Amino acid sequence: MKFLRLNNIFFINLCFEIKNMNLIKKLGTTNILLLCLCASIIAVSEYLFFSGDQLHGIFVGIWAPMLIGLMIFFKLIRIDR
């Protein structure tokens, strides 16, 4: 039950930040677009996996962590400059 309350608090806070556009300012438009791309990749991989094409679902599902890793890598390079 405690996890459910924490999850609801996080969701309410996230909705509030999106509503006030603070989240977009903090992350930047490029990172928001990459995160949306990762979410769509995960959705497509789940569709492929559960529709019976399991190997292609796993292959497409590997792309999302790779994109997030690249996003972190480029952010670290930008911080070093």
PDB file of N, CA and C in Angstrom:
ATOM      1  N   MET A   1       0.816  -1.184   0.000  1.00  0.00           N
ATOM      2  CA  MET A   1       0.000   0.000   0.000  1.00  0.00           C
ATOM      3  C   MET A   1       0.866   1.256   0.000  1.00  0.00           C
ATOM      4  N   LYS A   2       2.007   1.193   0.683  1.00  0.00           N
ATOM      5  CA  LYS A   2       2.910   2.335   0.737  1.00  0.00           C
ATOM      6  C   LYS A   2       3.456   2.650  -0.656  1.00  0.00           C
ATOM      7  N   PHE A   3       3.768   1.610  -1.433  1.00  0.00           N
ATOM      8  CA  PHE A   3       4.258   1.803  -2.791  1.00  0.00           C
ATOM      9  C   PHE A   3       3.211   2.502  -3.650  1.00  0.00           C
ATOM     10  N   LEU A   4       1.939   2.147  -3.449  1.00  0.00           N
ATOM     11  CA  LEU A   4       0.860   2.741  -4.224  1.00  0.00           C
ATOM     12  C   LEU A   4       0.749   4.228  -3.939  1.00  0.00           C
ATOM     13  N   ARG A   5       0.895   4.621  -2.679  1.00  0.00           N
ATOM     14  CA  ARG A   5       0.829   6.039  -2.335  1.00  0.00           C
ATOM     15  C   ARG A   5       2.003   6.794  -2.932  1.00  0.00           C
ATOM     16  N   LEU A   6       3.208   6.219  -2.860  1.00  0.00           N
ATOM     17  CA  LEU A   6       4.386   6.872  -3.434  1.00  0.00           C
ATOM     18  C   LEU A   6       4.251   6.995  -4.945  1.00  0.00           C
ATOM     19  N   ASN A   7       3.707   5.967  -5.576  1.00  0.00           N
ATOM     20  CA  ASN A   7       3.511   5.992  -7.013  1.00  0.00           C
ATOM     21  C   ASN A   7       2.508   7.077  -7.402  1.00  0.00           C
ATOM     22  N   ASN A   8       1.426   7.220  -6.634  1.00  0.00           N
ATOM     23  CA  ASN A   8       0.444   8.256  -6.921  1.00  0.00           C
ATOM     24  C   ASN A   8       1.028   9.646  -6.727  1.00  0.00           C
ATOM     25  N   ILE A   9       1.849   9.818  -5.685  1.00  0.00           N
ATOM     26  CA  ILE A   9       2.488  11.118  -5.453  1.00  0.00           C
ATOM     27  C   ILE A   9       3.422  11.451  -6.607  1.00  0.00           C
ATOM     28  N   PHE A  10       4.193  10.473  -7.078  1.00  0.00           N
ATOM     29  CA  PHE A  10       5.087  10.695  -8.203  1.00  0.00           C
ATOM     30  C   PHE A  10       4.302  11.068  -9.450  1.00  0.00           C
ATOM     31  N   PHE A  11       3.195  10.373  -9.714  1.00  0.00           N
ATOM     32  CA  PHE A  11       2.388  10.644 -10.897  1.00  0.00           C
ATOM     33  C   PHE A  11       1.769  12.037 -10.832  1.00  0.00           C
ATOM     34  N   ILE A  12       1.280  12.431  -9.664  1.00  0.00           N
ATOM     35  CA  ILE A  12       0.697  13.769  -9.515  1.00  0.00           C
ATOM     36  C   ILE A  12       1.762  14.839  -9.710  1.00  0.00           C
ATOM     37  N   ASN A  13       2.949  14.614  -9.159  1.00  0.00           N
ATOM     38  CA  ASN A  13       4.044  15.564  -9.323  1.00  0.00           C
ATOM     39  C   ASN A  13       4.461  15.662 -10.781  1.00  0.00           C
ATOM     40  N   LEU A  14       4.515  14.524 -11.483  1.00  0.00           N
ATOM     41  CA  LEU A  14       4.888  14.527 -12.891  1.00  0.00           C
ATOM     42  C   LEU A  14       3.855  15.282 -13.728  1.00  0.00           C
ATOM     43  N   CYS A  15       2.566  15.053 -13.451  1.00  0.00           N
ATOM     44  CA  CYS A  15       1.518  15.776 -14.175  1.00  0.00           C
ATOM     45  C   CYS A  15       1.596  17.270 -13.906  1.00  0.00           C
ATOM     46  N   PHE A  16       1.902  17.647 -12.666  1.00  0.00           N
ATOM     47  CA  PHE A  16       2.015  19.060 -12.327  1.00  0.00           C
ATOM     48  C   PHE A  16       3.179  19.705 -13.062  1.00  0.00           C
ATOM     49  N   GLU A  17       4.323  18.992 -13.137  1.00  0.00           N
ATOM     50  CA  GLU A  17       5.486  19.543 -13.830  1.00  0.00           C
ATOM     51  C   GLU A  17       5.233  19.654 -15.325  1.00  0.00           C
ATOM     52  N   ILE A  18       4.568  18.670 -15.912  1.00  0.00           N
ATOM     53  CA  ILE A  18       4.259  18.751 -17.338  1.00  0.00           C
ATOM     54  C   ILE A  18       3.289  19.895 -17.591  1.00  0.00           C
ATOM     55  N   LYS A  19       2.342  20.071 -16.691  1.00  0.00           N
ATOM     56  CA  LYS A  19       1.360  21.134 -16.844  1.00  0.00           C
ATOM     57  C   LYS A  19       2.033  22.503 -16.820  1.00  0.00           C
ATOM     58  N   ASN A  20       3.012  22.671 -15.983  1.00  0.00           N
ATOM     59  CA  ASN A  20       3.696  23.959 -15.878  1.00  0.00           C
ATOM     60  C   ASN A  20       4.882  24.082 -16.837  1.00  0.00           C
ATOM     61  N   MET A  21       5.112  23.058 -17.661  1.00  0.00           N
ATOM     62  CA  MET A  21       6.173  23.052 -18.670  1.00  0.00           C
ATOM     63  C   MET A  21       7.580  23.088 -18.051  1.00  0.00           C
ATOM     64  N   ASN A  22       7.685  22.827 -16.740  1.00  0.00           N
ATOM     65  CA  ASN A  22       9.010  22.789 -16.122  1.00  0.00           C
ATOM     66  C   ASN A  22       9.795  21.575 -16.586  1.00  0.00           C
ATOM     67  N   LEU A  23       9.102  20.472 -16.816  1.00  0.00           N
ATOM     68  CA  LEU A  23       9.776  19.246 -17.222  1.00  0.00           C
ATOM     69  C   LEU A  23      10.420  19.412 -18.591  1.00  0.00           C
ATOM     70  N   ILE A  24       9.742  20.074 -19.505  1.00  0.00           N
ATOM     71  CA  ILE A  24      10.294  20.277 -20.847  1.00  0.00           C
ATOM     72  C   ILE A  24      11.498  21.209 -20.788  1.00  0.00           C
ATOM     73  N   LYS A  25      11.439  22.216 -19.940  1.00  0.00           N
ATOM     74  CA  LYS A  25      12.575  23.133 -19.808  1.00  0.00           C
ATOM     75  C   LYS A  25      13.771  22.429 -19.193  1.00  0.00           C
ATOM     76  N   LYS A  26      13.522  21.551 -18.207  1.00  0.00           N
ATOM     77  CA  LYS A  26      14.624  20.851 -17.550  1.00  0.00           C
ATOM     78  C   LYS A  26      15.281  19.831 -18.470  1.00  0.00           C
ATOM     79  N   LEU A  27      14.477  19.060 -19.187  1.00  0.00           N
ATOM     80  CA  LEU A  27      15.021  17.994 -20.025  1.00  0.00           C
ATOM     81  C   LEU A  27      15.464  18.489 -21.396  1.00  0.00           C
ATOM     82  N   GLY A  28      14.762  19.433 -21.955  1.00  0.00           N
ATOM     83  CA  GLY A  28      15.050  19.887 -23.303  1.00  0.00           C
ATOM     84  C   GLY A  28      14.188  19.137 -24.304  1.00  0.00           C
ATOM     85  N   THR A  29      13.949  19.770 -25.432  1.00  0.00           N
ATOM     86  CA  THR A  29      13.057  19.168 -26.419  1.00  0.00           C
ATOM     87  C   THR A  29      13.656  17.921 -27.049  1.00  0.00           C
ATOM     88  N   THR A  30      14.960  17.906 -27.241  1.00  0.00           N
ATOM     89  CA  THR A  30      15.597  16.738 -27.855  1.00  0.00           C
ATOM     90  C   THR A  30      15.436  15.509 -26.967  1.00  0.00           C
ATOM     91  N   ASN A  31      15.672  15.676 -25.677  1.00  0.00           N
ATOM     92  CA  ASN A  31      15.533  14.544 -24.755  1.00  0.00           C
ATOM     93  C   ASN A  31      14.091  14.084 -24.655  1.00  0.00           C
ATOM     94  N   ILE A  32      13.139  15.017 -24.680  1.00  0.00           N
ATOM     95  CA  ILE A  32      11.727  14.643 -24.646  1.00  0.00           C
ATOM     96  C   ILE A  32      11.368  13.826 -25.883  1.00  0.00           C
ATOM     97  N   LEU A  33      11.860  14.261 -27.044  1.00  0.00           N
ATOM     98  CA  LEU A  33      11.578  13.513 -28.279  1.00  0.00           C
ATOM     99  C   LEU A  33      12.199  12.124 -28.244  1.00  0.00           C
ATOM    100  N   LEU A  34      13.426  12.012 -27.727  1.00  0.00           N
ATOM    101  CA  LEU A  34      14.067  10.703 -27.641  1.00  0.00           C
ATOM    102  C   LEU A  34      13.336   9.786 -26.659  1.00  0.00           C
ATOM    103  N   LEU A  35      12.846  10.349 -25.551  1.00  0.00           N
ATOM    104  CA  LEU A  35      12.094   9.527 -24.601  1.00  0.00           C
ATOM    105  C   LEU A  35      10.770   9.072 -25.196  1.00  0.00           C
ATOM    106  N   CYS A  36      10.125   9.938 -25.983  1.00  0.00           N
ATOM    107  CA  CYS A  36       8.885   9.524 -26.672  1.00  0.00           C
ATOM    108  C   CYS A  36       9.184   8.440 -27.702  1.00  0.00           C
ATOM    109  N   LEU A  37      10.311   8.573 -28.398  1.00  0.00           N
ATOM    110  CA  LEU A  37      10.716   7.546 -29.356  1.00  0.00           C
ATOM    111  C   LEU A  37      10.966   6.220 -28.643  1.00  0.00           C
ATOM    112  N   CYS A  38      11.616   6.261 -27.483  1.00  0.00           N
ATOM    113  CA  CYS A  38      11.864   5.035 -26.721  1.00  0.00           C
ATOM    114  C   CYS A  38      10.561   4.399 -26.266  1.00  0.00           C
ATOM    115  N   ALA A  39       9.613   5.217 -25.846  1.00  0.00           N
ATOM    116  CA  ALA A  39       8.312   4.670 -25.420  1.00  0.00           C
ATOM    117  C   ALA A  39       7.596   4.012 -26.591  1.00  0.00           C
ATOM    118  N   SER A  40       7.677   4.621 -27.772  1.00  0.00           N
ATOM    119  CA  SER A  40       7.031   4.005 -28.935  1.00  0.00           C
ATOM    120  C   SER A  40       7.755   2.735 -29.369  1.00  0.00           C
ATOM    121  N   ILE A  41       9.066   2.702 -29.241  1.00  0.00           N
ATOM    122  CA  ILE A  41       9.824   1.489 -29.566  1.00  0.00           C
ATOM    123  C   ILE A  41       9.418   0.358 -28.630  1.00  0.00           C
ATOM    124  N   ILE A  42       9.257   0.660 -27.357  1.00  0.00           N
ATOM    125  CA  ILE A  42       8.841  -0.366 -26.394  1.00  0.00           C
ATOM    126  C   ILE A  42       7.445  -0.884 -26.737  1.00  0.00           C
ATOM    127  N   ALA A  43       6.546   0.031 -27.127  1.00  0.00           N
ATOM    128  CA  ALA A  43       5.191  -0.388 -27.495  1.00  0.00           C
ATOM    129  C   ALA A  43       5.208  -1.293 -28.726  1.00  0.00           C
ATOM    130  N   VAL A  44       6.015  -0.937 -29.721  1.00  0.00           N
ATOM    131  CA  VAL A  44       6.105  -1.759 -30.933  1.00  0.00           C
ATOM    132  C   VAL A  44       6.713  -3.121 -30.615  1.00  0.00           C
ATOM    133  N   SER A  45       7.740  -3.146 -29.759  1.00  0.00           N
ATOM    134  CA  SER A  45       8.364  -4.427 -29.430  1.00  0.00           C
ATOM    135  C   SER A  45       7.407  -5.327 -28.650  1.00  0.00           C
ATOM    136  N   GLU A  46       6.599  -4.730 -27.767  1.00  0.00           N
ATOM    137  CA  GLU A  46       5.603  -5.545 -27.063  1.00  0.00           C
ATOM    138  C   GLU A  46       4.554  -6.086 -28.022  1.00  0.00           C
ATOM    139  N   TYR A  47       4.143  -5.269 -28.971  1.00  0.00           N
ATOM    140  CA  TYR A  47       3.180  -5.739 -29.971  1.00  0.00           C
ATOM    141  C   TYR A  47       3.765  -6.905 -30.762  1.00  0.00           C
ATOM    142  N   LEU A  48       5.015  -6.749 -31.214  1.00  0.00           N
ATOM    143  CA  LEU A  48       5.644  -7.821 -31.982  1.00  0.00           C
ATOM    144  C   LEU A  48       5.793  -9.092 -31.141  1.00  0.00           C
ATOM    145  N   PHE A  49       6.213  -8.917 -29.887  1.00  0.00           N
ATOM    146  CA  PHE A  49       6.451 -10.069 -29.024  1.00  0.00           C
ATOM    147  C   PHE A  49       5.165 -10.836 -28.753  1.00  0.00           C
ATOM    148  N   PHE A  50       4.089 -10.123 -28.436  1.00  0.00           N
ATOM    149  CA  PHE A  50       2.850 -10.799 -28.075  1.00  0.00           C
ATOM    150  C   PHE A  50       2.026 -11.225 -29.288  1.00  0.00           C
ATOM    151  N   SER A  51       2.371 -10.718 -30.467  1.00  0.00           N
ATOM    152  CA  SER A  51       1.650 -11.163 -31.657  1.00  0.00           C
ATOM    153  C   SER A  51       2.255 -12.441 -32.234  1.00  0.00           C
ATOM    154  N   GLY A  52       3.322 -12.934 -31.632  1.00  0.00           N
ATOM    155  CA  GLY A  52       3.888 -14.202 -32.054  1.00  0.00           C
ATOM    156  C   GLY A  52       5.263 -14.103 -32.683  1.00  0.00           C
ATOM    157  N   ASP A  53       5.699 -12.903 -33.003  1.00  0.00           N
ATOM    158  CA  ASP A  53       7.016 -12.706 -33.606  1.00  0.00           C
ATOM    159  C   ASP A  53       8.004 -12.328 -32.501  1.00  0.00           C
ATOM    160  N   GLN A  54       8.341 -13.310 -31.664  1.00  0.00           N
ATOM    161  CA  GLN A  54       9.080 -13.027 -30.443  1.00  0.00           C
ATOM    162  C   GLN A  54      10.507 -12.546 -30.703  1.00  0.00           C
ATOM    163  N   LEU A  55      11.188 -13.130 -31.664  1.00  0.00           N
ATOM    164  CA  LEU A  55      12.577 -12.725 -31.912  1.00  0.00           C
ATOM    165  C   LEU A  55      12.671 -11.288 -32.405  1.00  0.00           C
ATOM    166  N   HIS A  56      11.767 -10.888 -33.295  1.00  0.00           N
ATOM    167  CA  HIS A  56      11.780  -9.507 -33.759  1.00  0.00           C
ATOM    168  C   HIS A  56      11.380  -8.550 -32.628  1.00  0.00           C
ATOM    169  N   GLY A  57      10.486  -8.984 -31.768  1.00  0.00           N
ATOM    170  CA  GLY A  57      10.103  -8.165 -30.615  1.00  0.00           C
ATOM    171  C   GLY A  57      11.271  -7.908 -29.685  1.00  0.00           C
ATOM    172  N   ILE A  58      12.067  -8.937 -29.425  1.00  0.00           N
ATOM    173  CA  ILE A  58      13.249  -8.779 -28.579  1.00  0.00           C
ATOM    174  C   ILE A  58      14.277  -7.893 -29.275  1.00  0.00           C
ATOM    175  N   PHE A  59      14.471  -8.087 -30.576  1.00  0.00           N
ATOM    176  CA  PHE A  59      15.438  -7.291 -31.326  1.00  0.00           C
ATOM    177  C   PHE A  59      15.065  -5.808 -31.304  1.00  0.00           C
ATOM    178  N   VAL A  60      13.802  -5.496 -31.525  1.00  0.00           N
ATOM    179  CA  VAL A  60      13.366  -4.099 -31.511  1.00  0.00           C
ATOM    180  C   VAL A  60      13.410  -3.549 -30.088  1.00  0.00           C
ATOM    181  N   GLY A  61      13.122  -4.372 -29.097  1.00  0.00           N
ATOM    182  CA  GLY A  61      13.143  -3.932 -27.711  1.00  0.00           C
ATOM    183  C   GLY A  61      14.517  -3.537 -27.216  1.00  0.00           C
ATOM    184  N   ILE A  62      15.562  -4.059 -27.835  1.00  0.00           N
ATOM    185  CA  ILE A  62      16.928  -3.712 -27.437  1.00  0.00           C
ATOM    186  C   ILE A  62      17.277  -2.280 -27.849  1.00  0.00           C
ATOM    187  N   TRP A  63      16.585  -1.720 -28.809  1.00  0.00           N
ATOM    188  CA  TRP A  63      16.904  -0.364 -29.276  1.00  0.00           C
ATOM    189  C   TRP A  63      16.643   0.696 -28.223  1.00  0.00           C
ATOM    190  N   ALA A  64      15.621   0.546 -27.407  1.00  0.00           N
ATOM    191  CA  ALA A  64      15.265   1.584 -26.422  1.00  0.00           C
ATOM    192  C   ALA A  64      16.386   1.828 -25.403  1.00  0.00           C
ATOM    193  N   PRO A  65      16.947   0.796 -24.760  1.00  0.00           N
ATOM    194  CA  PRO A  65      18.052   1.072 -23.829  1.00  0.00           C
ATOM    195  C   PRO A  65      19.277   1.655 -24.525  1.00  0.00           C
ATOM    196  N   MET A  66      19.496   1.266 -25.795  1.00  0.00           N
ATOM    197  CA  MET A  66      20.623   1.818 -26.529  1.00  0.00           C
ATOM    198  C   MET A  66      20.435   3.309 -26.762  1.00  0.00           C
ATOM    199  N   LEU A  67      19.220   3.729 -27.111  1.00  0.00           N
ATOM    200  CA  LEU A  67      18.963   5.147 -27.319  1.00  0.00           C
ATOM    201  C   LEU A  67      19.090   5.937 -26.019  1.00  0.00           C
ATOM    202  N   ILE A  68      18.622   5.369 -24.924  1.00  0.00           N
ATOM    203  CA  ILE A  68      18.761   6.051 -23.638  1.00  0.00           C
ATOM    204  C   ILE A  68      20.235   6.150 -23.246  1.00  0.00           C
ATOM    205  N   GLY A  69      21.001   5.110 -23.512  1.00  0.00           N
ATOM    206  CA  GLY A  69      22.446   5.155 -23.252  1.00  0.00           C
ATOM    207  C   GLY A  69      23.144   6.213 -24.086  1.00  0.00           C
ATOM    208  N   LEU A  70      22.780   6.314 -25.354  1.00  0.00           N
ATOM    209  CA  LEU A  70      23.361   7.363 -26.194  1.00  0.00           C
ATOM    210  C   LEU A  70      22.973   8.753 -25.705  1.00  0.00           C
ATOM    211  N   MET A  71      21.747   8.895 -25.252  1.00  0.00           N
ATOM    212  CA  MET A  71      21.298  10.175 -24.734  1.00  0.00           C
ATOM    213  C   MET A  71      22.123  10.576 -23.510  1.00  0.00           C
ATOM    214  N   ILE A  72      22.376   9.644 -22.617  1.00  0.00           N
ATOM    215  CA  ILE A  72      23.197   9.920 -21.433  1.00  0.00           C
ATOM    216  C   ILE A  72      24.633  10.216 -21.834  1.00  0.00           C
ATOM    217  N   PHE A  73      25.169   9.470 -22.800  1.00  0.00           N
ATOM    218  CA  PHE A  73      26.541   9.680 -23.256  1.00  0.00           C
ATOM    219  C   PHE A  73      26.727  11.078 -23.835  1.00  0.00           C
ATOM    220  N   PHE A  74      25.802  11.503 -24.697  1.00  0.00           N
ATOM    221  CA  PHE A  74      25.925  12.828 -25.289  1.00  0.00           C
ATOM    222  C   PHE A  74      25.727  13.934 -24.261  1.00  0.00           C
ATOM    223  N   LYS A  75      24.898  13.684 -23.260  1.00  0.00           N
ATOM    224  CA  LYS A  75      24.711  14.665 -22.198  1.00  0.00           C
ATOM    225  C   LYS A  75      25.991  14.802 -21.378  1.00  0.00           C
ATOM    226  N   LEU A  76      26.668  13.686 -21.104  1.00  0.00           N
ATOM    227  CA  LEU A  76      27.930  13.747 -20.364  1.00  0.00           C
ATOM    228  C   LEU A  76      29.008  14.466 -21.161  1.00  0.00           C
ATOM    229  N   ILE A  77      29.039  14.254 -22.468  1.00  0.00           N
ATOM    230  CA  ILE A  77      30.013  14.958 -23.297  1.00  0.00           C
ATOM    231  C   ILE A  77      29.734  16.455 -23.277  1.00  0.00           C
ATOM    232  N   ARG A  78      28.465  16.827 -23.335  1.00  0.00           N
ATOM    233  CA  ARG A  78      28.093  18.245 -23.328  1.00  0.00           C
ATOM    234  C   ARG A  78      28.448  18.880 -21.980  1.00  0.00           C
ATOM    235  N   ILE A  79      28.343  18.149 -20.872  1.00  0.00           N
ATOM    236  CA  ILE A  79      28.675  18.694 -19.549  1.00  0.00           C
ATOM    237  C   ILE A  79      30.180  18.931 -19.435  1.00  0.00           C
ATOM    238  N   ASP A  80      31.001  18.062 -20.035  1.00  0.00           N
ATOM    239  CA  ASP A  80      32.448  18.192 -19.953  1.00  0.00           C
ATOM    240  C   ASP A  80      32.975  19.422 -20.675  1.00  0.00           C
ATOM    241  N   ARG A  81      32.246  19.918 -21.648  1.00  0.00           N
ATOM    242  CA  ARG A  81      32.718  21.071 -22.429  1.00  0.00           C
ATOM    243  C   ARG A  81      32.554  22.345 -21.707  1.00  0.00           C
TER     244      ARG A  81
END
